[in-house]
Amino acid sequence: MFDNDSLHPKFLEAMRKLKEMSEEDRLSESNKDLFEQAMNYAPLDIQPQLIEIKKKYQDLH
């Protein structure tokens, strides 16, 4: 999908943690900061996908 060498370590850390969670946990208030970290350090080509997830999160809260 993308070259890990070109990704920011904070993005990789956040995505690794988020990947291990259920969707419900990912979208929970307690993991909002982790998701924001992923958004802030995401490569431009996947930011639209993260924005869609963020909209889903905002609809839940």
C-alpha atoms as a PDB file:
ATOM      1  CA  MET A   1       0.000   0.000   0.000  1.00  0.00           C
ATOM      2  CA  PHE A   2       2.715   2.472   0.963  1.00  0.00           C
ATOM      3  CA  ASP A   3       6.389   2.446   1.782  1.00  0.00           C
ATOM      4  CA  ASN A   4       6.895   2.345   5.558  1.00  0.00           C
ATOM      5  CA  ASP A   5      10.225   4.165   5.217  1.00  0.00           C
ATOM      6  CA  SER A   6       8.434   7.283   3.974  1.00  0.00           C
ATOM      7  CA  LEU A   7       5.808   7.308   6.744  1.00  0.00           C
ATOM      8  CA  HIS A   8       6.101   9.340   9.914  1.00  0.00           C
ATOM      9  CA  PRO A   9       6.767   7.183  13.011  1.00  0.00           C
ATOM     10  CA  LYS A  10       3.843   8.776  14.866  1.00  0.00           C
ATOM     11  CA  PHE A  11       1.505   7.777  12.031  1.00  0.00           C
ATOM     12  CA  LEU A  12       2.825   4.210  12.073  1.00  0.00           C
ATOM     13  CA  GLU A  13       2.425   4.008  15.860  1.00  0.00           C
ATOM     14  CA  ALA A  14      -1.149   5.305  15.767  1.00  0.00           C
ATOM     15  CA  MET A  15      -2.174   3.033  12.891  1.00  0.00           C
ATOM     16  CA  ARG A  16      -0.629  -0.022  14.560  1.00  0.00           C
ATOM     17  CA  LYS A  17      -2.614   0.640  17.732  1.00  0.00           C
ATOM     18  CA  LEU A  18      -5.839   1.475  15.876  1.00  0.00           C
ATOM     19  CA  LYS A  19      -5.556  -1.641  13.714  1.00  0.00           C
ATOM     20  CA  GLU A  20      -5.594  -3.841  16.818  1.00  0.00           C
ATOM     21  CA  MET A  21      -8.910  -2.362  17.994  1.00  0.00           C
ATOM     22  CA  SER A  22     -12.481  -3.054  17.037  1.00  0.00           C
ATOM     23  CA  GLU A  23     -14.262  -0.347  15.039  1.00  0.00           C
ATOM     24  CA  GLU A  24     -16.261   0.573  18.130  1.00  0.00           C
ATOM     25  CA  ASP A  25     -13.060   1.082  20.132  1.00  0.00           C
ATOM     26  CA  ARG A  26     -11.445   3.053  17.302  1.00  0.00           C
ATOM     27  CA  LEU A  27     -14.376   5.443  17.236  1.00  0.00           C
ATOM     28  CA  SER A  28     -14.621   5.813  21.006  1.00  0.00           C
ATOM     29  CA  GLU A  29     -14.018   9.086  22.805  1.00  0.00           C
ATOM     30  CA  SER A  30     -11.090   7.539  24.681  1.00  0.00           C
ATOM     31  CA  ASN A  31      -9.188   6.955  21.414  1.00  0.00           C
ATOM     32  CA  LYS A  32      -9.925  10.336  19.846  1.00  0.00           C
ATOM     33  CA  ASP A  33      -6.371  11.589  20.484  1.00  0.00           C
ATOM     34  CA  LEU A  34      -4.838   8.504  18.884  1.00  0.00           C
ATOM     35  CA  PHE A  35      -7.014   8.952  15.805  1.00  0.00           C
ATOM     36  CA  GLU A  36      -6.090  12.648  15.655  1.00  0.00           C
ATOM     37  CA  GLN A  37      -2.423  11.623  15.759  1.00  0.00           C
ATOM     38  CA  ALA A  38      -3.005   9.341  12.777  1.00  0.00           C
ATOM     39  CA  MET A  39      -4.764  12.167  10.916  1.00  0.00           C
ATOM     40  CA  ASN A  40      -2.031  14.689  11.647  1.00  0.00           C
ATOM     41  CA  TYR A  41       0.786  12.495  10.362  1.00  0.00           C
ATOM     42  CA  ALA A  42      -1.021  10.646   7.560  1.00  0.00           C
ATOM     43  CA  PRO A  43       0.346  10.683   4.011  1.00  0.00           C
ATOM     44  CA  LEU A  44      -1.726  12.880   1.699  1.00  0.00           C
ATOM     45  CA  ASP A  45      -2.979   9.945  -0.365  1.00  0.00           C
ATOM     46  CA  ILE A  46      -4.832   8.343   2.551  1.00  0.00           C
ATOM     47  CA  GLN A  47      -6.105  11.484   4.263  1.00  0.00           C
ATOM     48  CA  PRO A  48      -9.458  11.345   2.389  1.00  0.00           C
ATOM     49  CA  GLN A  49     -10.124   7.891   3.878  1.00  0.00           C
ATOM     50  CA  LEU A  50      -9.322   9.138   7.365  1.00  0.00           C
ATOM     51  CA  ILE A  51     -11.590  12.142   6.858  1.00  0.00           C
ATOM     52  CA  GLU A  52     -14.471   9.786   6.062  1.00  0.00           C
ATOM     53  CA  ILE A  53     -13.798   7.875   9.280  1.00  0.00           C
ATOM     54  CA  LYS A  54     -13.648  11.157  11.185  1.00  0.00           C
ATOM     55  CA  LYS A  55     -17.097  12.095   9.845  1.00  0.00           C
ATOM     56  CA  LYS A  56     -18.425   8.762  11.076  1.00  0.00           C
ATOM     57  CA  TYR A  57     -16.890   9.454  14.491  1.00  0.00           C
ATOM     58  CA  GLN A  58     -18.463  12.916  14.647  1.00  0.00           C
ATOM     59  CA  ASP A  59     -21.864  11.470  13.761  1.00  0.00           C
ATOM     60  CA  LEU A  60     -21.597   9.114  16.750  1.00  0.00           C
ATOM     61  CA  HIS A  61     -20.691  11.853  19.228  1.00  0.00           C
END
